[in-house]
Amino acid sequence: MATDDGLLIKPEPRKPWVVVAVAAGVLAVLAGGYVASGLSGKPKPAATATAASPAPVTANPDQLPAIIIAVLPLAADAGTTAAPAAGDASQHLVDALKGGSERGSAFNDGVSAQLAGALSQFDGVAVTSPESSFQQRDADAPPATIGKMLGATHLLRGTASREGETLRIDAALVSVADGSTVWFERYQRPYAELFKVQDEIAAAIGAALKARRLPAPQGVQDERPPGGSLQAYEALLAGDAALERADADGVAAAIAEYERAIAIDAGYAHAHARLALARIELATRFPAQAGDVRDAGEKARREAATALRLAPDSAAAHAANAAWLGSIALDQAGALAETERALALSPRDASLLHSLAIRQTAFGRLEDAAATLRRALQLNPLSATALYNLGGIYLGMNDYAEAEHVLGQALALRPDISVVRAFQAIAIFQQNRAPEAIAIAQQEPDPLWKAYALAMAYWANGDRVRSDAELQVLIRDNPKGAATQIAGLYAQRDDEAAMFKWLQVARDAGDPGIVEIRYMPFVSRYAEDPRFVALLRELDLVQDTARGSAPRPAATRTP
């Protein structure tokens, strides 16, 4: 039964403990559970919109096409140079890239990301996620080397600069196979024609590859403002850059920039969607800085509702809605349905595939989630977070050797990442290497997960005293935020009564880890227990609920 609060149609309030979860800290699906995914990028509110179904994609999204383009970040132009001679465009671009400065500018990276999004809307073309391709800023690296690392057949590389009101962009599409230039163009236009130039580049590359743009709505996804304001677009790019900092100050700065974009163009649906995501991240990852986290969650709902109203066929708007449903309302079935809707609009979006895998794990669909993440990694091969999540899924599937291997790949990419070593320790002691697991757990940077992993590894090694000491650390320091992990430790000890007691604590406290119990080590052994099944039903995490979830009512008024 839906209610109208005078702003939009929304679901009835869920369980009383849901509100507590927002204040509990980092939600599992965002930053610290057995499977986690950030909101910002590398790169993932209100009710589901009832827009018409998108036109079918012409290619099977499960199979990558023959053409895979990696859009490398446009470097700052080293200065005006002579036009390249025929057949010499590739070397010209390499020389320009070597001389570039400030390669990581928010503007150039934002323009590059927009080109990646535009090219992904062509039939028969896939595009590597910027999260991976933007790690390739070495102008000396041969195309073949970069292409192999990114799984790409073509590279789009170039330079861009703005001098006063003049825009310069040099861009070349290079074949990975032989290093030849498939297409090259130099643009020198008034800065006011930026959007026109972006469209021309995408169209020219499509023509060079003999690829046609997909039909609407897949072929019309756009992160640029509908009113054409460059100032609003620049504010959005600045917000995206701030969000990449992944700290509280960066999220706050991103919120301010997205608000500035909306102040310039109130109809900017993509900015509303990004603002919703940033507000969710602040409320769930940095509740102390968010102030009234309940109010922050409500603001996020309103922003996503606005995005859906303005652009009901926007993948970004549906992704924001999914984030609100899954992270604030803890409506995992609704979040799954909305993520699937977003993917129907943008079928080869690595971040959406990543989000889908997170939603699938909540319902115990581990085989599906692993397959989805492997698809995501084809398009985002250098994502430490995706590898970490895949390792967590293998751990839940009891494939300990594969979990250890994949988690090691994540650490090779990001040695500083939290939680991974804790999972590695579990995978290792499950292979009867408890002393090695203890050494790994001791290197875990996050105190909560370090205590959890050490308690398990010590217990596996027969050291009850040290295991108990680490368990008491969790009970003393995180009795609510780590309630699910505490339940897992008692499950390892076969203390069934204590395990269910702490699952009840987790449920009452709104511990976000509660949605992970289907695949948590040791806890998942009780999946057939009537008390366990009853808890799943209370959390709306029953398998048939996920598969049969119906769309929620659409937003009908401006928030």
Protein backbone atom coordinates (compact mmCIF):
# COMPACT_ATOMS: atom_id res chain seq x y z
CA MET A 1 0.00 0.00 0.00
CA ALA A 2 1.56 3.30 -1.07
CA THR A 3 1.10 6.62 0.65
CA ASP A 4 1.26 10.13 -0.74
CA ASP A 5 3.28 12.48 1.44
CA GLY A 6 2.47 15.44 -0.77
CA LEU A 7 5.74 15.02 -2.60
CA LEU A 8 5.65 11.69 -4.36
CA ILE A 9 4.18 8.23 -4.12
CA LYS A 10 6.46 6.05 -2.04
CA PRO A 11 6.30 2.67 -0.30
CA GLU A 12 4.97 2.27 3.20
CA PRO A 13 7.74 2.63 5.81
CA ARG A 14 9.61 -0.62 6.27
CA LYS A 15 10.60 -2.29 9.53
CA PRO A 16 11.36 0.12 12.43
CA TRP A 17 14.96 -1.02 12.53
CA VAL A 18 15.59 0.17 8.96
CA VAL A 19 16.00 3.78 10.11
CA VAL A 20 18.63 2.69 12.60
CA ALA A 21 20.68 1.11 9.84
CA VAL A 22 21.37 4.46 8.26
CA ALA A 23 22.95 5.68 11.48
CA ALA A 24 24.83 2.44 12.00
CA GLY A 25 27.67 3.49 9.72
CA VAL A 26 29.02 1.93 6.57
CA LEU A 27 26.46 -0.24 4.82
CA ALA A 28 27.61 -3.61 3.63
CA VAL A 29 26.77 -2.97 0.01
CA LEU A 30 28.80 0.22 0.04
CA ALA A 31 32.02 -0.14 1.91
CA GLY A 32 32.66 -3.03 4.19
CA GLY A 33 30.63 -6.20 4.02
CA TYR A 34 31.43 -9.58 2.58
CA VAL A 35 30.64 -8.03 -0.78
CA ALA A 36 30.99 -4.28 -1.19
CA SER A 37 30.76 -1.60 -3.83
CA GLY A 38 31.45 2.11 -3.66
CA LEU A 39 29.07 4.71 -5.01
CA SER A 40 31.65 6.84 -6.72
CA GLY A 41 32.83 5.28 -9.57
CA LYS A 42 35.38 3.39 -10.84
CA PRO A 43 33.83 3.87 -10.61
CA LYS A 44 27.92 2.96 -8.19
CA PRO A 45 15.72 6.85 -4.43
CA ALA A 46 12.03 7.18 -4.44
CA ALA A 47 9.92 4.69 -6.25
CA THR A 48 10.52 2.88 -9.50
CA ALA A 49 9.38 4.83 -12.54
CA THR A 50 6.90 3.24 -14.90
CA ALA A 51 8.45 4.28 -18.19
CA ALA A 52 7.96 2.19 -21.29
CA SER A 53 10.25 -0.80 -21.63
CA PRO A 54 13.45 -0.08 -23.54
CA ALA A 55 13.95 -1.34 -27.04
CA PRO A 56 15.76 -4.68 -27.11
CA VAL A 57 19.52 -4.61 -27.43
CA THR A 58 20.63 -5.94 -30.78
CA ALA A 59 23.50 -7.97 -29.37
CA ASN A 60 23.64 -10.44 -26.51
CA PRO A 61 24.96 -8.38 -23.56
CA ASP A 62 26.52 -11.53 -22.08
CA GLN A 63 28.90 -11.75 -25.04
CA LEU A 64 31.34 -8.97 -25.76
CA PRO A 65 31.37 -7.72 -29.35
CA ALA A 66 34.38 -7.86 -31.63
CA ILE A 67 35.21 -4.18 -31.06
CA ILE A 68 36.23 -3.13 -27.55
CA ILE A 69 37.41 0.46 -27.18
CA ALA A 70 39.46 1.73 -24.25
CA VAL A 71 39.11 5.51 -23.99
CA LEU A 72 42.31 6.76 -22.38
CA PRO A 73 42.18 10.05 -20.46
CA LEU A 74 42.77 13.05 -22.68
CA ALA A 75 46.08 14.63 -21.74
CA ALA A 76 46.59 18.37 -21.48
CA ASP A 77 47.75 19.73 -24.83
CA ALA A 78 51.45 20.54 -24.78
CA GLY A 79 50.83 23.41 -27.14
CA THR A 80 50.08 24.06 -30.74
CA THR A 81 51.96 21.75 -33.07
CA ALA A 82 51.93 21.20 -36.77
CA ALA A 83 49.28 18.94 -38.18
CA PRO A 84 50.52 15.36 -38.61
CA ALA A 85 51.47 14.10 -42.01
CA ALA A 86 49.34 11.42 -43.60
CA GLY A 87 49.83 8.10 -41.87
CA ASP A 88 51.71 9.77 -38.99
CA ALA A 89 48.80 10.52 -36.67
CA SER A 90 49.67 7.89 -34.07
CA GLN A 91 53.21 9.22 -33.56
CA HIS A 92 51.86 12.77 -33.41
CA LEU A 93 49.55 11.79 -30.57
CA VAL A 94 52.35 10.00 -28.70
CA ASP A 95 54.57 13.08 -28.98
CA ALA A 96 51.77 15.33 -27.76
CA LEU A 97 51.00 13.05 -24.84
CA LYS A 98 54.62 13.05 -23.76
CA GLY A 99 54.61 16.81 -23.56
CA GLY A 100 51.27 17.13 -21.76
CA SER A 101 50.83 18.43 -18.22
CA GLU A 102 48.08 18.19 -15.63
CA ARG A 103 46.91 14.97 -17.18
CA GLY A 104 44.57 14.19 -14.36
CA SER A 105 42.49 17.34 -14.65
CA ALA A 106 38.85 16.90 -13.75
CA PHE A 107 37.73 18.51 -16.98
CA ASN A 108 39.82 16.37 -19.35
CA ASP A 109 38.94 13.20 -17.48
CA GLY A 110 35.27 14.18 -17.52
CA VAL A 111 35.28 14.82 -21.26
CA SER A 112 37.03 11.48 -21.77
CA ALA A 113 34.43 9.70 -19.64
CA GLN A 114 31.64 11.32 -21.65
CA LEU A 115 33.20 10.02 -24.88
CA ALA A 116 33.41 6.54 -23.33
CA GLY A 117 29.72 6.69 -22.49
CA ALA A 118 28.79 7.91 -25.96
CA LEU A 119 30.78 5.19 -27.73
CA SER A 120 29.19 2.49 -25.57
CA GLN A 121 25.86 3.34 -27.22
CA PHE A 122 26.94 2.00 -30.62
CA ASP A 123 25.83 -1.45 -31.73
CA GLY A 124 28.67 -3.95 -31.91
CA VAL A 125 30.93 -1.85 -29.68
CA ALA A 126 31.88 -2.28 -26.02
CA VAL A 127 33.86 0.25 -24.01
CA THR A 128 36.28 -0.44 -21.19
CA SER A 129 35.28 1.19 -17.91
CA PRO A 130 37.15 4.45 -17.22
CA GLU A 131 37.99 3.01 -13.80
CA SER A 132 40.45 0.74 -15.62
CA SER A 133 41.35 2.75 -18.73
CA PHE A 134 42.11 5.91 -16.74
CA GLN A 135 44.88 4.03 -14.95
CA GLN A 136 46.77 4.03 -18.26
CA ARG A 137 48.42 7.46 -18.44
CA ASP A 138 51.83 6.35 -19.66
CA ALA A 139 52.29 7.85 -23.12
CA ASP A 140 55.30 5.61 -23.78
CA ALA A 141 53.35 2.37 -23.39
CA PRO A 142 52.78 0.66 -26.77
CA PRO A 143 49.15 0.22 -27.83
CA ALA A 144 49.57 -3.56 -27.77
CA THR A 145 50.66 -3.47 -24.13
CA ILE A 146 47.77 -1.26 -23.04
CA GLY A 147 45.29 -3.19 -25.14
CA LYS A 148 46.33 -6.51 -23.61
CA MET A 149 46.07 -5.11 -20.10
CA LEU A 150 42.60 -3.71 -20.74
CA GLY A 151 41.29 -6.41 -23.06
CA ALA A 152 40.71 -3.80 -25.77
CA THR A 153 40.94 -4.00 -29.55
CA HIS A 154 41.17 -0.21 -30.02
CA LEU A 155 42.43 2.75 -28.02
CA LEU A 156 41.04 6.27 -28.20
CA ARG A 157 43.77 8.65 -27.07
CA GLY A 158 44.49 12.30 -27.50
CA THR A 159 44.96 15.74 -25.99
CA ALA A 160 42.65 18.58 -25.06
CA SER A 161 43.10 22.15 -23.91
CA ARG A 162 41.15 25.35 -23.48
CA GLU A 163 42.82 28.70 -24.07
CA GLY A 164 40.40 31.48 -23.32
CA GLU A 165 37.32 30.70 -25.36
CA THR A 166 39.15 28.38 -27.77
CA LEU A 167 38.90 24.61 -27.45
CA ARG A 168 41.49 22.29 -28.97
CA ILE A 169 41.12 18.52 -29.10
CA ASP A 170 43.31 16.07 -30.99
CA ALA A 171 41.96 12.52 -30.96
CA ALA A 172 42.99 9.28 -32.63
CA LEU A 173 41.51 5.80 -32.69
CA VAL A 174 44.37 3.31 -32.76
CA SER A 175 44.22 -0.39 -33.56
CA VAL A 176 45.81 -2.51 -30.83
CA ALA A 177 46.65 -5.28 -33.31
CA ASP A 178 49.18 -3.31 -35.35
CA GLY A 179 49.31 0.20 -33.88
CA SER A 180 47.81 1.74 -36.99
CA THR A 181 45.58 4.81 -36.87
CA VAL A 182 42.00 3.96 -37.77
CA TRP A 183 40.81 7.55 -37.43
CA PHE A 184 42.33 10.90 -36.49
CA GLU A 185 40.98 14.42 -36.30
CA ARG A 186 42.06 17.78 -34.94
CA TYR A 187 39.40 20.16 -33.63
CA GLN A 188 39.86 23.86 -32.94
CA ARG A 189 36.52 25.40 -32.10
CA PRO A 190 34.92 27.95 -29.82
CA TYR A 191 34.66 26.47 -26.34
CA ALA A 192 30.91 27.01 -26.52
CA GLU A 193 30.79 24.18 -29.10
CA LEU A 194 32.21 21.56 -26.71
CA PHE A 195 29.08 19.39 -26.79
CA LYS A 196 28.92 19.61 -30.57
CA VAL A 197 32.55 18.52 -30.84
CA GLN A 198 31.95 15.58 -28.49
CA ASP A 199 29.04 14.46 -30.66
CA GLU A 200 31.10 14.84 -33.82
CA ILE A 201 33.92 12.72 -32.39
CA ALA A 202 31.54 9.92 -31.40
CA ALA A 203 29.77 10.01 -34.77
CA ALA A 204 33.05 10.01 -36.70
CA ILE A 205 34.39 7.02 -34.77
CA GLY A 206 31.12 5.18 -35.29
CA ALA A 207 31.39 5.84 -39.02
CA ALA A 208 35.03 4.71 -39.11
CA LEU A 209 34.03 1.46 -37.41
CA LYS A 210 30.86 1.11 -39.51
CA ALA A 211 28.84 0.97 -36.30
CA ARG A 212 25.38 2.42 -35.82
CA ARG A 213 24.04 4.03 -32.68
CA LEU A 214 21.61 1.83 -30.73
CA PRO A 215 17.93 2.81 -30.80
CA ALA A 216 16.44 4.84 -28.00
CA PRO A 217 16.52 4.67 -25.06
CA GLN A 218 19.87 2.80 -24.99
CA GLY A 219 21.33 5.09 -27.64
CA VAL A 220 20.38 8.38 -25.99
CA GLN A 221 21.88 8.06 -22.50
CA ASP A 222 23.65 11.33 -21.75
CA GLU A 223 25.26 12.91 -18.68
CA ARG A 224 25.26 16.42 -20.16
CA PRO A 225 22.67 19.03 -19.13
CA PRO A 226 19.58 19.19 -21.34
CA GLY A 227 19.72 22.98 -21.33
CA GLY A 228 23.22 22.94 -22.81
CA SER A 229 24.87 24.87 -19.96
CA LEU A 230 28.62 24.39 -19.95
CA GLN A 231 28.77 25.83 -16.44
CA ALA A 232 26.40 23.16 -15.14
CA TYR A 233 28.44 20.48 -16.91
CA GLU A 234 31.68 21.77 -15.42
CA ALA A 235 30.12 21.69 -11.96
CA LEU A 236 29.09 18.07 -12.51
CA LEU A 237 32.62 17.13 -13.57
CA ALA A 238 34.05 18.91 -10.52
CA GLY A 239 31.64 16.95 -8.32
CA ASP A 240 32.70 13.67 -9.89
CA ALA A 241 36.35 14.52 -9.30
CA ALA A 242 35.67 15.42 -5.66
CA LEU A 243 33.78 12.17 -5.10
CA GLU A 244 36.79 10.21 -6.34
CA ARG A 245 38.71 11.36 -3.24
CA ALA A 246 36.58 8.86 -1.28
CA ASP A 247 36.75 10.78 2.00
CA ALA A 248 34.15 12.80 3.90
CA ASP A 249 35.47 16.14 2.68
CA GLY A 250 35.43 14.92 -0.90
CA VAL A 251 31.83 13.74 -0.63
CA ALA A 252 30.79 17.07 0.93
CA ALA A 253 32.55 18.95 -1.86
CA ALA A 254 30.84 16.77 -4.46
CA ILE A 255 27.44 17.53 -2.94
CA ALA A 256 28.16 21.25 -3.19
CA GLU A 257 29.20 20.95 -6.84
CA TYR A 258 26.15 18.88 -7.80
CA GLU A 259 23.93 21.41 -6.04
CA ARG A 260 25.65 24.15 -8.04
CA ALA A 261 24.96 22.26 -11.28
CA ILE A 262 21.29 21.95 -10.35
CA ALA A 263 21.07 25.62 -9.40
CA ILE A 264 22.25 26.45 -12.91
CA ASP A 265 19.93 23.91 -14.61
CA ALA A 266 17.14 22.55 -12.43
CA GLY A 267 16.22 20.08 -15.17
CA TYR A 268 19.62 18.38 -15.06
CA ALA A 269 18.51 14.80 -14.29
CA HIS A 270 22.02 13.36 -14.25
CA ALA A 271 23.11 15.92 -11.64
CA HIS A 272 20.10 15.04 -9.47
CA ALA A 273 21.04 11.36 -9.71
CA ARG A 274 24.66 12.05 -8.81
CA LEU A 275 23.58 14.24 -5.89
CA ALA A 276 21.39 11.40 -4.61
CA LEU A 277 24.34 9.01 -4.72
CA ALA A 278 26.62 11.47 -2.94
CA ARG A 279 24.05 12.04 -0.18
CA ILE A 280 23.68 8.28 0.25
CA GLU A 281 27.43 7.90 0.51
CA LEU A 282 27.68 10.65 3.12
CA ALA A 283 24.85 9.16 5.21
CA THR A 284 26.13 5.60 5.08
CA ARG A 285 29.91 5.99 5.10
CA PHE A 286 30.31 9.20 7.08
CA PRO A 287 27.24 9.55 9.31
CA ALA A 288 29.03 11.85 11.76
CA GLN A 289 29.59 14.39 8.99
CA ALA A 290 26.09 13.90 7.59
CA GLY A 291 24.38 15.42 10.64
CA ASP A 292 20.83 14.11 10.72
CA VAL A 293 21.32 10.94 8.69
CA ARG A 294 17.61 10.32 8.44
CA ASP A 295 17.21 13.74 6.85
CA ALA A 296 20.17 12.99 4.55
CA GLY A 297 18.46 9.78 3.43
CA GLU A 298 15.22 11.65 2.77
CA LYS A 299 17.07 14.25 0.71
CA ALA A 300 18.62 11.47 -1.32
CA ARG A 301 15.18 9.99 -1.94
CA ARG A 302 13.90 13.32 -3.21
CA GLU A 303 16.85 13.86 -5.53
CA ALA A 304 16.50 10.42 -7.08
CA ALA A 305 12.76 10.92 -7.44
CA THR A 306 13.45 14.14 -9.31
CA ALA A 307 15.95 12.39 -11.57
CA LEU A 308 13.36 9.73 -12.40
CA ARG A 309 10.67 12.31 -13.07
CA LEU A 310 12.93 14.33 -15.35
CA ALA A 311 14.40 11.34 -17.18
CA PRO A 312 12.40 8.14 -16.63
CA ASP A 313 14.53 6.33 -19.22
CA SER A 314 17.84 7.32 -17.64
CA ALA A 315 20.04 4.46 -16.46
CA ALA A 316 21.71 6.85 -14.01
CA ALA A 317 18.35 7.77 -12.45
CA HIS A 318 17.38 4.13 -11.98
CA ALA A 319 20.83 3.36 -10.55
CA ALA A 320 20.37 6.14 -8.00
CA ASN A 321 16.93 4.78 -7.13
CA ALA A 322 18.43 1.31 -6.66
CA ALA A 323 21.08 2.75 -4.35
CA TRP A 324 18.44 4.43 -2.19
CA LEU A 325 16.27 1.32 -2.03
CA GLY A 326 19.18 -0.96 -1.18
CA SER A 327 21.19 1.28 1.13
CA ILE A 328 18.67 3.51 2.88
CA ALA A 329 15.34 1.65 2.73
CA LEU A 330 17.12 -1.74 2.85
CA ASP A 331 14.65 -2.96 0.24
CA GLN A 332 16.89 -5.47 -1.50
CA ALA A 333 14.18 -6.80 -3.80
CA GLY A 334 13.33 -3.30 -4.98
CA ALA A 335 17.02 -2.49 -5.41
CA LEU A 336 17.51 -5.62 -7.50
CA ALA A 337 14.57 -4.76 -9.76
CA GLU A 338 15.79 -1.21 -10.26
CA THR A 339 19.35 -2.31 -11.01
CA GLU A 340 18.01 -4.68 -13.64
CA ARG A 341 15.98 -1.80 -15.09
CA ALA A 342 19.12 0.36 -15.27
CA LEU A 343 21.01 -2.45 -17.01
CA ALA A 344 18.24 -2.79 -19.59
CA LEU A 345 18.99 0.82 -20.47
CA SER A 346 22.78 0.46 -20.38
CA PRO A 347 23.54 -3.25 -20.86
CA ARG A 348 27.34 -3.12 -20.91
CA ASP A 349 27.91 -0.74 -18.01
CA ALA A 350 30.54 -2.36 -15.76
CA SER A 351 29.46 -0.42 -12.68
CA LEU A 352 25.84 -1.53 -13.12
CA LEU A 353 26.91 -5.13 -13.59
CA HIS A 354 28.92 -4.78 -10.39
CA SER A 355 25.85 -3.44 -8.58
CA LEU A 356 23.71 -6.27 -9.94
CA ALA A 357 26.13 -8.82 -8.49
CA ILE A 358 25.84 -7.14 -5.08
CA ARG A 359 22.05 -7.39 -5.24
CA GLN A 360 22.17 -11.02 -6.35
CA THR A 361 24.33 -12.04 -3.39
CA ALA A 362 21.72 -10.72 -0.94
CA PHE A 363 19.39 -13.47 -2.19
CA GLY A 364 22.01 -16.20 -2.12
CA ARG A 365 22.36 -16.25 -5.90
CA LEU A 366 26.11 -16.72 -5.69
CA GLU A 367 26.60 -18.52 -8.99
CA ASP A 368 24.69 -15.74 -10.77
CA ALA A 369 26.64 -13.07 -8.88
CA ALA A 370 30.00 -14.64 -9.75
CA ALA A 371 29.05 -14.82 -13.43
CA THR A 372 27.86 -11.20 -13.34
CA LEU A 373 31.11 -10.03 -11.77
CA ARG A 374 33.17 -11.92 -14.31
CA ARG A 375 31.24 -10.06 -17.01
CA ALA A 376 31.93 -6.79 -15.22
CA LEU A 377 35.64 -7.59 -15.02
CA GLN A 378 35.78 -8.13 -18.78
CA LEU A 379 34.94 -4.44 -19.09
CA ASN A 380 36.73 -3.29 -15.94
CA PRO A 381 39.73 -5.61 -15.57
CA LEU A 382 41.74 -3.35 -13.23
CA SER A 383 39.01 -2.93 -10.60
CA ALA A 384 40.36 -4.03 -7.23
CA THR A 385 36.89 -3.67 -5.73
CA ALA A 386 35.29 -5.98 -8.28
CA LEU A 387 38.02 -8.56 -7.69
CA TYR A 388 37.58 -8.24 -3.94
CA ASN A 389 33.84 -8.78 -4.28
CA LEU A 390 34.38 -11.78 -6.53
CA GLY A 391 36.76 -13.22 -3.95
CA GLY A 392 34.12 -12.75 -1.27
CA ILE A 393 31.60 -14.62 -3.43
CA TYR A 394 34.01 -17.51 -3.98
CA LEU A 395 34.50 -17.60 -0.22
CA GLY A 396 30.74 -17.89 0.22
CA MET A 397 30.73 -20.70 -2.35
CA ASN A 398 33.42 -22.56 -0.36
CA ASP A 399 35.86 -22.31 -3.28
CA TYR A 400 38.72 -21.32 -1.02
CA ALA A 401 41.58 -21.71 -3.47
CA GLU A 402 39.90 -19.49 -6.04
CA ALA A 403 38.94 -16.98 -3.33
CA GLU A 404 42.56 -16.76 -2.21
CA HIS A 405 43.74 -16.27 -5.79
CA VAL A 406 41.23 -13.54 -6.69
CA LEU A 407 41.74 -11.68 -3.41
CA GLY A 408 45.47 -11.73 -4.11
CA GLN A 409 44.79 -10.10 -7.47
CA ALA A 410 42.81 -7.35 -5.72
CA LEU A 411 45.69 -6.69 -3.33
CA ALA A 412 48.18 -6.57 -6.20
CA LEU A 413 46.16 -3.70 -7.66
CA ARG A 414 45.39 -1.98 -4.35
CA PRO A 415 47.69 -3.02 -1.48
CA ASP A 416 46.01 -0.46 0.80
CA ILE A 417 42.46 -1.79 0.44
CA SER A 418 40.69 -2.85 3.63
CA VAL A 419 38.88 -6.13 4.40
CA VAL A 420 40.63 -8.12 1.66
CA ARG A 421 43.27 -9.58 3.96
CA ALA A 422 40.59 -10.59 6.44
CA PHE A 423 38.86 -12.59 3.71
CA GLN A 424 42.16 -14.00 2.53
CA ALA A 425 42.87 -15.26 6.04
CA ILE A 426 39.56 -17.14 6.10
CA ALA A 427 40.24 -18.69 2.69
CA ILE A 428 43.71 -19.75 3.82
CA PHE A 429 42.82 -21.36 7.15
CA GLN A 430 39.99 -23.21 5.41
CA GLN A 431 42.78 -24.83 3.39
CA ASN A 432 44.43 -26.03 6.62
CA ARG A 433 47.07 -23.28 6.70
CA ALA A 434 46.05 -21.59 9.94
CA PRO A 435 49.48 -20.17 10.93
CA GLU A 436 49.73 -18.47 7.52
CA ALA A 437 46.19 -17.16 7.95
CA ILE A 438 47.11 -15.60 11.29
CA ALA A 439 50.03 -13.77 9.68
CA ILE A 440 47.77 -12.44 6.92
CA ALA A 441 45.06 -11.36 9.38
CA GLN A 442 47.59 -9.41 11.41
CA GLN A 443 48.23 -7.24 8.33
CA GLU A 444 44.56 -6.25 7.94
CA PRO A 445 44.40 -2.43 8.28
CA ASP A 446 40.79 -2.19 9.49
CA PRO A 447 40.62 -2.86 13.28
CA LEU A 448 37.16 -4.43 13.19
CA TRP A 449 38.00 -6.84 10.39
CA LYS A 450 41.42 -7.56 11.86
CA ALA A 451 39.86 -8.68 15.15
CA TYR A 452 37.28 -10.75 13.29
CA ALA A 453 39.82 -12.50 11.08
CA LEU A 454 42.25 -13.11 13.94
CA ALA A 455 39.50 -14.57 16.13
CA MET A 456 38.63 -17.03 13.36
CA ALA A 457 42.23 -17.87 12.44
CA TYR A 458 43.28 -18.40 16.07
CA TRP A 459 40.28 -20.67 16.62
CA ALA A 460 41.17 -22.67 13.50
CA ASN A 461 44.72 -22.98 14.86
CA GLY A 462 43.47 -24.31 18.19
CA ASP A 463 44.41 -21.17 20.15
CA ARG A 464 41.20 -20.64 22.11
CA VAL A 465 42.62 -18.02 24.46
CA ARG A 466 43.72 -15.61 21.75
CA SER A 467 40.55 -16.24 19.76
CA ASP A 468 38.43 -15.37 22.79
CA ALA A 469 40.48 -12.21 23.34
CA GLU A 470 39.81 -10.99 19.80
CA LEU A 471 36.12 -11.87 20.11
CA GLN A 472 35.90 -9.78 23.27
CA VAL A 473 37.50 -6.86 21.41
CA LEU A 474 34.62 -6.95 18.94
CA ILE A 475 32.00 -7.26 21.67
CA ARG A 476 33.55 -4.40 23.62
CA ASP A 477 34.23 -2.00 20.75
CA ASN A 478 31.52 -2.85 18.20
CA PRO A 479 28.63 -4.66 19.90
CA LYS A 480 26.11 -3.39 17.33
CA GLY A 481 28.08 -2.51 14.22
CA ALA A 482 29.85 -5.90 14.27
CA ALA A 483 26.94 -7.97 15.57
CA THR A 484 26.76 -10.06 12.39
CA GLN A 485 30.49 -10.78 12.52
CA ILE A 486 30.18 -11.75 16.19
CA ALA A 487 27.40 -14.14 15.22
CA GLY A 488 29.76 -15.62 12.62
CA LEU A 489 32.42 -16.27 15.24
CA TYR A 490 29.95 -18.14 17.41
CA ALA A 491 28.80 -20.10 14.35
CA GLN A 492 32.41 -21.19 13.78
CA ARG A 493 32.40 -22.47 17.38
CA ASP A 494 29.11 -24.34 16.81
CA ASP A 495 27.51 -22.23 19.56
CA GLU A 496 24.09 -22.15 17.97
CA ALA A 497 22.31 -20.30 20.79
CA ALA A 498 24.87 -17.49 20.88
CA MET A 499 24.85 -17.21 17.10
CA PHE A 500 21.09 -16.67 16.90
CA LYS A 501 21.26 -14.28 19.85
CA TRP A 502 23.75 -12.07 18.02
CA LEU A 503 21.82 -12.30 14.76
CA GLN A 504 18.89 -10.89 16.71
CA VAL A 505 21.16 -8.11 18.01
CA ALA A 506 22.22 -7.41 14.43
CA ARG A 507 18.63 -7.31 13.29
CA ASP A 508 17.51 -5.01 16.11
CA ALA A 509 20.52 -2.70 15.70
CA GLY A 510 20.15 -2.46 11.94
CA ASP A 511 23.63 -3.90 11.36
CA PRO A 512 23.90 -3.79 7.55
CA GLY A 513 25.88 -7.03 7.54
CA ILE A 514 22.65 -8.85 8.31
CA VAL A 515 21.82 -8.97 4.59
CA GLU A 516 24.90 -11.17 4.05
CA ILE A 517 23.94 -14.13 6.23
CA ARG A 518 23.04 -16.37 3.28
CA TYR A 519 26.71 -16.71 2.37
CA MET A 520 28.65 -15.74 5.51
CA PRO A 521 31.26 -18.31 6.51
CA PHE A 522 29.84 -20.76 9.07
CA VAL A 523 26.56 -18.82 9.49
CA SER A 524 25.32 -20.09 6.13
CA ARG A 525 25.41 -23.66 7.48
CA TYR A 526 22.15 -22.87 9.27
CA ALA A 527 20.30 -21.90 6.09
CA GLU A 528 17.66 -24.63 6.58
CA ASP A 529 17.00 -23.81 10.23
CA PRO A 530 13.43 -22.46 10.66
CA ARG A 531 14.74 -19.53 12.70
CA PHE A 532 17.15 -18.64 9.91
CA VAL A 533 14.42 -18.90 7.26
CA ALA A 534 12.11 -16.72 9.37
CA LEU A 535 14.81 -14.06 9.63
CA LEU A 536 15.33 -14.11 5.85
CA ARG A 537 11.62 -13.61 5.31
CA GLU A 538 11.55 -10.74 7.77
CA LEU A 539 14.41 -9.14 5.85
CA ASP A 540 12.66 -9.76 2.51
CA LEU A 541 15.59 -11.87 1.37
CA VAL A 542 13.69 -14.90 0.14
CA GLN A 543 14.72 -16.09 -3.30
CA ASP A 544 11.29 -15.99 -4.95
CA THR A 545 10.78 -12.45 -3.64
CA ALA A 546 13.78 -11.27 -5.61
CA ARG A 547 12.75 -12.95 -8.82
CA GLY A 548 9.14 -11.88 -8.65
CA SER A 549 9.54 -8.34 -7.36
CA ALA A 550 7.09 -5.90 -8.89
CA PRO A 551 7.91 -2.32 -9.82
CA ARG A 552 7.06 0.19 -7.14
CA PRO A 553 4.79 3.19 -7.83
CA ALA A 554 6.33 6.00 -9.83
CA ALA A 555 7.07 9.48 -8.60
CA THR A 556 4.18 11.76 -9.47
CA ARG A 557 5.10 15.12 -8.00
CA THR A 558 8.22 17.20 -7.91
CA PRO A 559 10.07 16.60 -4.62
